[in-house]
Amino acid sequence: TIVLINKKVACPEGKALLISEDPFRDFNTLTNFFKPF
């Protein structure tokens, strides 16, 4: 229900978007935040 994406697109009903220039990098940022070594 939340899509981390590198382009502004129409948001599907009932969902949310996170607009990022680098989703791969930011997915890693979230992993490090919630499951740090």
Full PDB file with SEQRES, HELIX, SHEET, SSBOND, CRYST1, ORIGX, SCALE, CONECT and MASTER records, all heavy atoms in Angstrom:
SEQRES   1 A   37  THR ILE VAL LEU ILE ASN LYS LYS VAL ALA CYS PRO GLU          
SEQRES   2 A   37  GLY LYS ALA LEU LEU ILE SER GLU ASP PRO PHE ARG ASP          
SEQRES   3 A   37  PHE ASN THR LEU THR ASN PHE PHE LYS PRO PHE                  
HELIX    1 AA1 PRO A   23  PHE A   34  1                                  12    
SHEET    1 AA1 2 ILE A   2  ILE A   5  0                                        
SHEET    2 AA1 2 ALA A  16  ILE A  19  1                                        
CRYST1    1.000    1.000    1.000  90.00  90.00  90.00 P 1           1          
ORIGX1      1.000000  0.000000  0.000000        0.00000                         
ORIGX2      0.000000  1.000000  0.000000        0.00000                         
ORIGX3      0.000000  0.000000  1.000000        0.00000                         
SCALE1      1.000000  0.000000  0.000000        0.00000                         
SCALE2      0.000000  1.000000  0.000000        0.00000                         
SCALE3      0.000000  0.000000  1.000000        0.00000                         
ATOM      1  N   THR A   1       0.810  -1.216   0.000  1.00  0.00           N  
ATOM      2  CA  THR A   1       0.000   0.000   0.000  1.00  0.00           C  
ATOM      3  C   THR A   1       0.845   1.268   0.000  1.00  0.00           C  
ATOM      4  O   THR A   1       0.305   2.366  -0.093  1.00  0.00           O  
ATOM      5  CB  THR A   1      -0.963   0.012   1.198  1.00  0.00           C  
ATOM      6  OG1 THR A   1      -0.281  -0.451   2.366  1.00  0.00           O  
ATOM      7  CG2 THR A   1      -2.155  -0.883   0.938  1.00  0.00           C  
ATOM      8  N   ILE A   2       2.182   1.111   0.080  1.00  0.00           N  
ATOM      9  CA  ILE A   2       3.078   2.257  -0.044  1.00  0.00           C  
ATOM     10  C   ILE A   2       4.143   1.895  -1.078  1.00  0.00           C  
ATOM     11  O   ILE A   2       4.845   0.874  -0.920  1.00  0.00           O  
ATOM     12  CB  ILE A   2       3.754   2.630   1.299  1.00  0.00           C  
ATOM     13  CG1 ILE A   2       2.704   2.863   2.381  1.00  0.00           C  
ATOM     14  CG2 ILE A   2       4.638   3.865   1.122  1.00  0.00           C  
ATOM     15  CD1 ILE A   2       2.394   1.640   3.225  1.00  0.00           C  
ATOM     16  N   VAL A   3       4.270   2.694  -2.122  1.00  0.00           N  
ATOM     17  CA  VAL A   3       5.217   2.410  -3.197  1.00  0.00           C  
ATOM     18  C   VAL A   3       6.310   3.469  -3.199  1.00  0.00           C  
ATOM     19  O   VAL A   3       6.030   4.659  -3.356  1.00  0.00           O  
ATOM     20  CB  VAL A   3       4.514   2.363  -4.567  1.00  0.00           C  
ATOM     21  CG1 VAL A   3       5.515   2.044  -5.675  1.00  0.00           C  
ATOM     22  CG2 VAL A   3       3.393   1.319  -4.561  1.00  0.00           C  
ATOM     23  N   LEU A   4       7.546   3.030  -2.999  1.00  0.00           N  
ATOM     24  CA  LEU A   4       8.736   3.886  -3.066  1.00  0.00           C  
ATOM     25  C   LEU A   4       9.218   3.864  -4.507  1.00  0.00           C  
ATOM     26  O   LEU A   4       9.695   2.842  -5.004  1.00  0.00           O  
ATOM     27  CB  LEU A   4       9.797   3.336  -2.105  1.00  0.00           C  
ATOM     28  CG  LEU A   4      11.160   4.018  -2.049  1.00  0.00           C  
ATOM     29  CD1 LEU A   4      11.042   5.485  -1.664  1.00  0.00           C  
ATOM     30  CD2 LEU A   4      12.073   3.274  -1.072  1.00  0.00           C  
ATOM     31  N   ILE A   5       9.097   4.992  -5.205  1.00  0.00           N  
ATOM     32  CA  ILE A   5       9.247   5.017  -6.659  1.00  0.00           C  
ATOM     33  C   ILE A   5      10.038   6.256  -7.070  1.00  0.00           C  
ATOM     34  O   ILE A   5      10.041   7.271  -6.366  1.00  0.00           O  
ATOM     35  CB  ILE A   5       7.847   4.982  -7.327  1.00  0.00           C  
ATOM     36  CG1 ILE A   5       7.926   4.775  -8.833  1.00  0.00           C  
ATOM     37  CG2 ILE A   5       7.023   6.212  -6.965  1.00  0.00           C  
ATOM     38  CD1 ILE A   5       6.570   4.487  -9.485  1.00  0.00           C  
ATOM     39  N   ASN A   6      10.698   6.180  -8.228  1.00  0.00           N  
ATOM     40  CA  ASN A   6      11.546   7.282  -8.682  1.00  0.00           C  
ATOM     41  C   ASN A   6      10.897   8.133  -9.777  1.00  0.00           C  
ATOM     42  O   ASN A   6      11.584   8.760 -10.577  1.00  0.00           O  
ATOM     43  CB  ASN A   6      12.895   6.749  -9.166  1.00  0.00           C  
ATOM     44  CG  ASN A   6      12.769   5.731 -10.291  1.00  0.00           C  
ATOM     45  OD1 ASN A   6      11.687   5.207 -10.554  1.00  0.00           O  
ATOM     46  ND2 ASN A   6      13.875   5.431 -10.944  1.00  0.00           N  
ATOM     47  N   LYS A   7       9.567   8.157  -9.802  1.00  0.00           N  
ATOM     48  CA  LYS A   7       8.859   8.989 -10.763  1.00  0.00           C  
ATOM     49  C   LYS A   7       7.515   9.392 -10.169  1.00  0.00           C  
ATOM     50  O   LYS A   7       6.875   8.599  -9.472  1.00  0.00           O  
ATOM     51  CB  LYS A   7       8.637   8.237 -12.079  1.00  0.00           C  
ATOM     52  CG  LYS A   7       7.980   9.074 -13.164  1.00  0.00           C  
ATOM     53  CD  LYS A   7       7.795   8.270 -14.443  1.00  0.00           C  
ATOM     54  CE  LYS A   7       7.121   9.112 -15.514  1.00  0.00           C  
ATOM     55  NZ  LYS A   7       6.908   8.352 -16.770  1.00  0.00           N  
ATOM     56  N   LYS A   8       7.085  10.614 -10.466  1.00  0.00           N  
ATOM     57  CA  LYS A   8       5.760  11.043 -10.035  1.00  0.00           C  
ATOM     58  C   LYS A   8       4.726  10.420 -10.970  1.00  0.00           C  
ATOM     59  O   LYS A   8       4.707  10.694 -12.164  1.00  0.00           O  
ATOM     60  CB  LYS A   8       5.662  12.569 -10.054  1.00  0.00           C  
ATOM     61  CG  LYS A   8       6.527  13.240  -8.987  1.00  0.00           C  
ATOM     62  CD  LYS A   8       6.341  14.749  -8.968  1.00  0.00           C  
ATOM     63  CE  LYS A   8       7.181  15.374  -7.860  1.00  0.00           C  
ATOM     64  NZ  LYS A   8       7.023  16.853  -7.800  1.00  0.00           N  
ATOM     65  N   VAL A   9       3.883   9.577 -10.404  1.00  0.00           N  
ATOM     66  CA  VAL A   9       2.851   8.877 -11.163  1.00  0.00           C  
ATOM     67  C   VAL A   9       1.526   9.040 -10.430  1.00  0.00           C  
ATOM     68  O   VAL A   9       1.479   9.486  -9.275  1.00  0.00           O  
ATOM     69  CB  VAL A   9       3.183   7.369 -11.319  1.00  0.00           C  
ATOM     70  CG1 VAL A   9       4.451   7.178 -12.137  1.00  0.00           C  
ATOM     71  CG2 VAL A   9       3.310   6.691  -9.953  1.00  0.00           C  
ATOM     72  N   ALA A  10       0.438   8.670 -11.122  1.00  0.00           N  
ATOM     73  CA  ALA A  10      -0.870   8.698 -10.475  1.00  0.00           C  
ATOM     74  C   ALA A  10      -0.898   7.680  -9.348  1.00  0.00           C  
ATOM     75  O   ALA A  10      -0.501   6.521  -9.532  1.00  0.00           O  
ATOM     76  CB  ALA A  10      -1.957   8.395 -11.499  1.00  0.00           C  
ATOM     77  N   CYS A  11      -1.357   8.110  -8.191  1.00  0.00           N  
ATOM     78  CA  CYS A  11      -1.392   7.223  -7.026  1.00  0.00           C  
ATOM     79  C   CYS A  11      -2.663   6.390  -7.047  1.00  0.00           C  
ATOM     80  O   CYS A  11      -3.771   6.928  -7.083  1.00  0.00           O  
ATOM     81  CB  CYS A  11      -1.330   8.057  -5.754  1.00  0.00           C  
ATOM     82  SG  CYS A  11      -1.259   7.060  -4.249  1.00  0.00           S  
ATOM     83  N   PRO A  12      -2.542   5.057  -7.016  1.00  0.00           N  
ATOM     84  CA  PRO A  12      -3.736   4.210  -6.989  1.00  0.00           C  
ATOM     85  C   PRO A  12      -4.582   4.491  -5.740  1.00  0.00           C  
ATOM     86  O   PRO A  12      -4.061   4.853  -4.686  1.00  0.00           O  
ATOM     87  CB  PRO A  12      -3.166   2.788  -6.946  1.00  0.00           C  
ATOM     88  CG  PRO A  12      -1.781   2.909  -7.466  1.00  0.00           C  
ATOM     89  CD  PRO A  12      -1.299   4.261  -7.041  1.00  0.00           C  
ATOM     90  N   GLU A  13      -5.879   4.291  -5.889  1.00  0.00           N  
ATOM     91  CA  GLU A  13      -6.796   4.522  -4.774  1.00  0.00           C  
ATOM     92  C   GLU A  13      -6.443   3.619  -3.597  1.00  0.00           C  
ATOM     93  O   GLU A  13      -6.162   2.427  -3.749  1.00  0.00           O  
ATOM     94  CB  GLU A  13      -8.235   4.263  -5.222  1.00  0.00           C  
ATOM     95  CG  GLU A  13      -9.273   4.601  -4.166  1.00  0.00           C  
ATOM     96  CD  GLU A  13     -10.695   4.393  -4.667  1.00  0.00           C  
ATOM     97  OE1 GLU A  13     -10.864   4.130  -5.875  1.00  0.00           O  
ATOM     98  OE2 GLU A  13     -11.615   4.484  -3.841  1.00  0.00           O  
ATOM     99  N   GLY A  14      -6.453   4.201  -2.408  1.00  0.00           N  
ATOM    100  CA  GLY A  14      -6.172   3.442  -1.197  1.00  0.00           C  
ATOM    101  C   GLY A  14      -4.697   3.219  -0.923  1.00  0.00           C  
ATOM    102  O   GLY A  14      -4.339   2.505   0.018  1.00  0.00           O  
ATOM    103  N   LYS A  15      -3.822   3.839  -1.730  1.00  0.00           N  
ATOM    104  CA  LYS A  15      -2.378   3.658  -1.555  1.00  0.00           C  
ATOM    105  C   LYS A  15      -1.697   5.011  -1.368  1.00  0.00           C  
ATOM    106  O   LYS A  15      -2.330   6.056  -1.448  1.00  0.00           O  
ATOM    107  CB  LYS A  15      -1.779   2.912  -2.756  1.00  0.00           C  
ATOM    108  CG  LYS A  15      -2.350   1.507  -2.920  1.00  0.00           C  
ATOM    109  CD  LYS A  15      -1.548   0.665  -3.880  1.00  0.00           C  
ATOM    110  CE  LYS A  15      -2.125  -0.740  -3.977  1.00  0.00           C  
ATOM    111  NZ  LYS A  15      -1.279  -1.648  -4.763  1.00  0.00           N  
ATOM    112  N   ALA A  16      -0.398   4.946  -1.112  1.00  0.00           N  
ATOM    113  CA  ALA A  16       0.408   6.152  -0.947  1.00  0.00           C  
ATOM    114  C   ALA A  16       1.725   5.960  -1.686  1.00  0.00           C  
ATOM    115  O   ALA A  16       2.156   4.829  -1.946  1.00  0.00           O  
ATOM    116  CB  ALA A  16       0.664   6.429   0.536  1.00  0.00           C  
ATOM    117  N   LEU A  17       2.370   7.080  -2.023  1.00  0.00           N  
ATOM    118  CA  LEU A  17       3.641   7.051  -2.739  1.00  0.00           C  
ATOM    119  C   LEU A  17       4.719   7.769  -1.942  1.00  0.00           C  
ATOM    120  O   LEU A  17       4.447   8.757  -1.258  1.00  0.00           O  
ATOM    121  CB  LEU A  17       3.512   7.719  -4.114  1.00  0.00           C  
ATOM    122  CG  LEU A  17       2.460   7.186  -5.083  1.00  0.00           C  
ATOM    123  CD1 LEU A  17       2.473   8.027  -6.353  1.00  0.00           C  
ATOM    124  CD2 LEU A  17       2.716   5.721  -5.406  1.00  0.00           C  
ATOM    125  N   LEU A  18       5.928   7.252  -2.064  1.00  0.00           N  
ATOM    126  CA  LEU A  18       7.129   7.942  -1.607  1.00  0.00           C  
ATOM    127  C   LEU A  18       7.970   8.206  -2.850  1.00  0.00           C  
ATOM    128  O   LEU A  18       8.378   7.255  -3.539  1.00  0.00           O  
ATOM    129  CB  LEU A  18       7.902   7.088  -0.613  1.00  0.00           C  
ATOM    130  CG  LEU A  18       7.228   6.857   0.744  1.00  0.00           C  
ATOM    131  CD1 LEU A  18       7.839   5.642   1.445  1.00  0.00           C  
ATOM    132  CD2 LEU A  18       7.376   8.100   1.627  1.00  0.00           C  
ATOM    133  N   ILE A  19       8.197   9.478  -3.166  1.00  0.00           N  
ATOM    134  CA  ILE A  19       8.899   9.842  -4.388  1.00  0.00           C  
ATOM    135  C   ILE A  19      10.372  10.061  -4.062  1.00  0.00           C  
ATOM    136  O   ILE A  19      10.728  10.931  -3.265  1.00  0.00           O  
ATOM    137  CB  ILE A  19       8.313  11.117  -5.028  1.00  0.00           C  
ATOM    138  CG1 ILE A  19       6.778  11.022  -5.127  1.00  0.00           C  
ATOM    139  CG2 ILE A  19       8.934  11.351  -6.396  1.00  0.00           C  
ATOM    140  CD1 ILE A  19       6.271   9.875  -5.974  1.00  0.00           C  
ATOM    141  N   SER A  20      11.244   9.259  -4.674  1.00  0.00           N  
ATOM    142  CA  SER A  20      12.668   9.277  -4.364  1.00  0.00           C  
ATOM    143  C   SER A  20      13.484   9.277  -5.649  1.00  0.00           C  
ATOM    144  O   SER A  20      13.118   8.608  -6.619  1.00  0.00           O  
ATOM    145  CB  SER A  20      13.031   8.042  -3.535  1.00  0.00           C  
ATOM    146  OG  SER A  20      14.417   7.814  -3.514  1.00  0.00           O  
ATOM    147  N   GLU A  21      14.604   9.975  -5.644  1.00  0.00           N  
ATOM    148  CA  GLU A  21      15.497   9.917  -6.802  1.00  0.00           C  
ATOM    149  C   GLU A  21      16.237   8.594  -6.874  1.00  0.00           C  
ATOM    150  O   GLU A  21      16.753   8.204  -7.921  1.00  0.00           O  
ATOM    151  CB  GLU A  21      16.506  11.073  -6.763  1.00  0.00           C  
ATOM    152  CG  GLU A  21      17.464  11.028  -5.595  1.00  0.00           C  
ATOM    153  CD  GLU A  21      18.472  12.149  -5.586  1.00  0.00           C  
ATOM    154  OE1 GLU A  21      18.245  13.142  -6.304  1.00  0.00           O  
ATOM    155  OE2 GLU A  21      19.474  12.033  -4.848  1.00  0.00           O  
ATOM    156  N   ASP A  22      16.289   7.860  -5.756  1.00  0.00           N  
ATOM    157  CA  ASP A  22      17.015   6.591  -5.713  1.00  0.00           C  
ATOM    158  C   ASP A  22      16.326   5.635  -4.733  1.00  0.00           C  
ATOM    159  O   ASP A  22      16.727   5.512  -3.566  1.00  0.00           O  
ATOM    160  CB  ASP A  22      18.462   6.825  -5.293  1.00  0.00           C  
ATOM    161  CG  ASP A  22      19.351   5.611  -5.521  1.00  0.00           C  
ATOM    162  OD1 ASP A  22      18.828   4.484  -5.563  1.00  0.00           O  
ATOM    163  OD2 ASP A  22      20.577   5.793  -5.666  1.00  0.00           O  
ATOM    164  N   PRO A  23      15.279   4.929  -5.169  1.00  0.00           N  
ATOM    165  CA  PRO A  23      14.552   4.024  -4.267  1.00  0.00           C  
ATOM    166  C   PRO A  23      15.416   2.913  -3.679  1.00  0.00           C  
ATOM    167  O   PRO A  23      15.213   2.516  -2.527  1.00  0.00           O  
ATOM    168  CB  PRO A  23      13.443   3.458  -5.162  1.00  0.00           C  
ATOM    169  CG  PRO A  23      13.232   4.511  -6.205  1.00  0.00           C  
ATOM    170  CD  PRO A  23      14.594   5.061  -6.475  1.00  0.00           C  
ATOM    171  N   PHE A  24      16.359   2.410  -4.452  1.00  0.00           N  
ATOM    172  CA  PHE A  24      17.251   1.350  -3.952  1.00  0.00           C  
ATOM    173  C   PHE A  24      18.017   1.840  -2.736  1.00  0.00           C  
ATOM    174  O   PHE A  24      18.069   1.173  -1.687  1.00  0.00           O  
ATOM    175  CB  PHE A  24      18.206   0.935  -5.073  1.00  0.00           C  
ATOM    176  CG  PHE A  24      19.060  -0.272  -4.788  1.00  0.00           C  
ATOM    177  CD1 PHE A  24      18.702  -1.514  -5.284  1.00  0.00           C  
ATOM    178  CD2 PHE A  24      20.238  -0.170  -4.052  1.00  0.00           C  
ATOM    179  CE1 PHE A  24      19.501  -2.639  -5.040  1.00  0.00           C  
ATOM    180  CE2 PHE A  24      21.031  -1.279  -3.804  1.00  0.00           C  
ATOM    181  CZ  PHE A  24      20.660  -2.506  -4.304  1.00  0.00           C  
ATOM    182  N   ARG A  25      18.610   3.021  -2.855  1.00  0.00           N  
ATOM    183  CA  ARG A  25      19.358   3.616  -1.743  1.00  0.00           C  
ATOM    184  C   ARG A  25      18.459   3.841  -0.526  1.00  0.00           C  
ATOM    185  O   ARG A  25      18.831   3.514   0.617  1.00  0.00           O  
ATOM    186  CB  ARG A  25      19.947   4.953  -2.192  1.00  0.00           C  
ATOM    187  CG  ARG A  25      20.670   5.748  -1.097  1.00  0.00           C  
ATOM    188  CD  ARG A  25      20.749   7.216  -1.479  1.00  0.00           C  
ATOM    189  NE  ARG A  25      19.415   7.826  -1.533  1.00  0.00           N  
ATOM    190  CZ  ARG A  25      19.140   8.956  -2.190  1.00  0.00           C  
ATOM    191  NH1 ARG A  25      20.081   9.586  -2.870  1.00  0.00           N  
ATOM    192  NH2 ARG A  25      17.905   9.445  -2.177  1.00  0.00           N  
ATOM    193  N   ASP A  26      17.242   4.357  -0.766  1.00  0.00           N  
ATOM    194  CA  ASP A  26      16.367   4.689   0.355  1.00  0.00           C  
ATOM    195  C   ASP A  26      15.768   3.445   1.003  1.00  0.00           C  
ATOM    196  O   ASP A  26      15.475   3.448   2.205  1.00  0.00           O  
ATOM    197  CB  ASP A  26      15.271   5.656  -0.115  1.00  0.00           C  
ATOM    198  CG  ASP A  26      15.845   7.038  -0.407  1.00  0.00           C  
ATOM    199  OD1 ASP A  26      16.934   7.348   0.099  1.00  0.00           O  
ATOM    200  OD2 ASP A  26      15.209   7.804  -1.152  1.00  0.00           O  
ATOM    201  N   PHE A  27      15.589   2.380   0.239  1.00  0.00           N  
ATOM    202  CA  PHE A  27      15.164   1.105   0.832  1.00  0.00           C  
ATOM    203  C   PHE A  27      16.244   0.615   1.792  1.00  0.00           C  
ATOM    204  O   PHE A  27      15.961   0.141   2.893  1.00  0.00           O  
ATOM    205  CB  PHE A  27      14.895   0.082  -0.266  1.00  0.00           C  
ATOM    206  CG  PHE A  27      14.002  -1.056   0.131  1.00  0.00           C  
ATOM    207  CD1 PHE A  27      12.633  -0.879   0.258  1.00  0.00           C  
ATOM    208  CD2 PHE A  27      14.520  -2.322   0.362  1.00  0.00           C  
ATOM    209  CE1 PHE A  27      11.794  -1.932   0.617  1.00  0.00           C  
ATOM    210  CE2 PHE A  27      13.691  -3.385   0.717  1.00  0.00           C  
ATOM    211  CZ  PHE A  27      12.337  -3.187   0.845  1.00  0.00           C  
ATOM    212  N   ASN A  28      17.519   0.750   1.379  1.00  0.00           N  
ATOM    213  CA  ASN A  28      18.637   0.404   2.268  1.00  0.00           C  
ATOM    214  C   ASN A  28      18.654   1.278   3.518  1.00  0.00           C  
ATOM    215  O   ASN A  28      18.939   0.808   4.625  1.00  0.00           O  
ATOM    216  CB  ASN A  28      19.966   0.547   1.528  1.00  0.00           C  
ATOM    217  CG  ASN A  28      20.337  -0.696   0.741  1.00  0.00           C  
ATOM    218  OD1 ASN A  28      19.779  -1.767   0.957  1.00  0.00           O  
ATOM    219  ND2 ASN A  28      21.284  -0.570  -0.160  1.00  0.00           N  
ATOM    220  N   THR A  29      18.351   2.560   3.335  1.00  0.00           N  
ATOM    221  CA  THR A  29      18.307   3.470   4.486  1.00  0.00           C  
ATOM    222  C   THR A  29      17.278   2.998   5.505  1.00  0.00           C  
ATOM    223  O   THR A  29      17.534   2.999   6.720  1.00  0.00           O  
ATOM    224  CB  THR A  29      17.976   4.898   4.022  1.00  0.00           C  
ATOM    225  OG1 THR A  29      19.001   5.356   3.132  1.00  0.00           O  
ATOM    226  CG2 THR A  29      17.885   5.856   5.208  1.00  0.00           C  
ATOM    227  N   LEU A  30      16.117   2.571   5.023  1.00  0.00           N  
ATOM    228  CA  LEU A  30      15.076   2.084   5.930  1.00  0.00           C  
ATOM    229  C   LEU A  30      15.489   0.784   6.616  1.00  0.00           C  
ATOM    230  O   LEU A  30      15.227   0.583   7.812  1.00  0.00           O  
ATOM    231  CB  LEU A  30      13.767   1.894   5.165  1.00  0.00           C  
ATOM    232  CG  LEU A  30      13.078   3.176   4.698  1.00  0.00           C  
ATOM    233  CD1 LEU A  30      11.902   2.853   3.782  1.00  0.00           C  
ATOM    234  CD2 LEU A  30      12.616   4.018   5.875  1.00  0.00           C  
ATOM    235  N   THR A  31      16.145  -0.117   5.872  1.00  0.00           N  
ATOM    236  CA  THR A  31      16.621  -1.358   6.488  1.00  0.00           C  
ATOM    237  C   THR A  31      17.607  -1.059   7.607  1.00  0.00           C  
ATOM    238  O   THR A  31      17.540  -1.637   8.702  1.00  0.00           O  
ATOM    239  CB  THR A  31      17.265  -2.273   5.441  1.00  0.00           C  
ATOM    240  OG1 THR A  31      16.300  -2.598   4.431  1.00  0.00           O  
ATOM    241  CG2 THR A  31      17.755  -3.573   6.070  1.00  0.00           C  
ATOM    242  N   ASN A  32      18.534  -0.148   7.349  1.00  0.00           N  
ATOM    243  CA  ASN A  32      19.513   0.217   8.376  1.00  0.00           C  
ATOM    244  C   ASN A  32      18.863   0.901   9.574  1.00  0.00           C  
ATOM    245  O   ASN A  32      19.323   0.758  10.706  1.00  0.00           O  
ATOM    246  CB  ASN A  32      20.579   1.149   7.774  1.00  0.00           C  
ATOM    247  CG  ASN A  32      21.661   0.380   7.050  1.00  0.00           C  
ATOM    248  OD1 ASN A  32      21.993  -0.739   7.423  1.00  0.00           O  
ATOM    249  ND2 ASN A  32      22.209   0.975   6.010  1.00  0.00           N  
ATOM    250  N   PHE A  33      17.788   1.629   9.324  1.00  0.00           N  
ATOM    251  CA  PHE A  33      17.091   2.316  10.412  1.00  0.00           C  
ATOM    252  C   PHE A  33      16.366   1.322  11.313  1.00  0.00           C  
ATOM    253  O   PHE A  33      16.449   1.408  12.549  1.00  0.00           O  
ATOM    254  CB  PHE A  33      16.098   3.332   9.835  1.00  0.00           C  
ATOM    255  CG  PHE A  33      15.379   4.147  10.868  1.00  0.00           C  
ATOM    256  CD1 PHE A  33      15.917   5.333  11.344  1.00  0.00           C  
ATOM    257  CD2 PHE A  33      14.150   3.732  11.386  1.00  0.00           C  
ATOM    258  CE1 PHE A  33      15.258   6.091  12.314  1.00  0.00           C  
ATOM    259  CE2 PHE A  33      13.480   4.481  12.349  1.00  0.00           C  
ATOM    260  CZ  PHE A  33      14.039   5.662  12.809  1.00  0.00           C  
ATOM    261  N   PHE A  34      15.662   0.362  10.700  1.00  0.00           N  
ATOM    262  CA  PHE A  34      14.834  -0.552  11.489  1.00  0.00           C  
ATOM    263  C   PHE A  34      15.561  -1.826  11.909  1.00  0.00           C  
ATOM    264  O   PHE A  34      15.188  -2.464  12.900  1.00  0.00           O  
ATOM    265  CB  PHE A  34      13.572  -0.916  10.701  1.00  0.00           C  
ATOM    266  CG  PHE A  34      12.598   0.216  10.583  1.00  0.00           C  
ATOM    267  CD1 PHE A  34      12.457   0.908   9.390  1.00  0.00           C  
ATOM    268  CD2 PHE A  34      11.846   0.625  11.667  1.00  0.00           C  
ATOM    269  CE1 PHE A  34      11.561   1.976   9.280  1.00  0.00           C  
ATOM    270  CE2 PHE A  34      10.961   1.681  11.576  1.00  0.00           C  
ATOM    271  CZ  PHE A  34      10.818   2.367  10.379  1.00  0.00           C  
ATOM    272  N   LYS A  35      16.599  -2.229  11.172  1.00  0.00           N  
ATOM    273  CA  LYS A  35      17.369  -3.432  11.529  1.00  0.00           C  
ATOM    274  C   LYS A  35      18.863  -3.123  11.433  1.00  0.00           C  
ATOM    275  O   LYS A  35      19.580  -3.700  10.618  1.00  0.00           O  
ATOM    276  CB  LYS A  35      17.007  -4.585  10.577  1.00  0.00           C  
ATOM    277  CG  LYS A  35      15.819  -5.445  10.980  1.00  0.00           C  
ATOM    278  CD  LYS A  35      16.242  -6.463  12.044  1.00  0.00           C  
ATOM    279  CE  LYS A  35      15.102  -7.437  12.341  1.00  0.00           C  
ATOM    280  NZ  LYS A  35      14.917  -8.429  11.275  1.00  0.00           N  
ATOM    281  N   PRO A  36      19.362  -2.199  12.252  1.00  0.00           N  
ATOM    282  CA  PRO A  36      20.787  -1.856  12.167  1.00  0.00           C  
ATOM    283  C   PRO A  36      21.660  -3.022  12.614  1.00  0.00           C  
ATOM    284  O   PRO A  36      21.264  -3.820  13.460  1.00  0.00           O  
ATOM    285  CB  PRO A  36      20.912  -0.680  13.134  1.00  0.00           C  
ATOM    286  CG  PRO A  36      19.805  -0.878  14.116  1.00  0.00           C  
ATOM    287  CD  PRO A  36      18.667  -1.485  13.339  1.00  0.00           C  
ATOM    288  N   PHE A  37      22.849  -3.107  12.008  1.00  0.00           N  
ATOM    289  CA  PHE A  37      23.797  -4.130  12.436  1.00  0.00           C  
ATOM    290  C   PHE A  37      24.288  -3.826  13.856  1.00  0.00           C  
ATOM    291  O   PHE A  37      24.643  -2.693  14.169  1.00  0.00           O  
ATOM    292  CB  PHE A  37      24.995  -4.185  11.487  1.00  0.00           C  
ATOM    293  CG  PHE A  37      26.084  -5.113  11.950  1.00  0.00           C  
ATOM    294  CD1 PHE A  37      25.941  -6.479  11.822  1.00  0.00           C  
ATOM    295  CD2 PHE A  37      27.243  -4.614  12.532  1.00  0.00           C  
ATOM    296  CE1 PHE A  37      26.938  -7.344  12.263  1.00  0.00           C  
ATOM    297  CE2 PHE A  37      28.247  -5.465  12.970  1.00  0.00           C  
ATOM    298  CZ  PHE A  37      28.102  -6.825  12.829  1.00  0.00           C  
TER     299      PHE A  37                                                      
MASTER        0    0    0    1    2    0    0    6  298    1    0    3          
END                                                                             
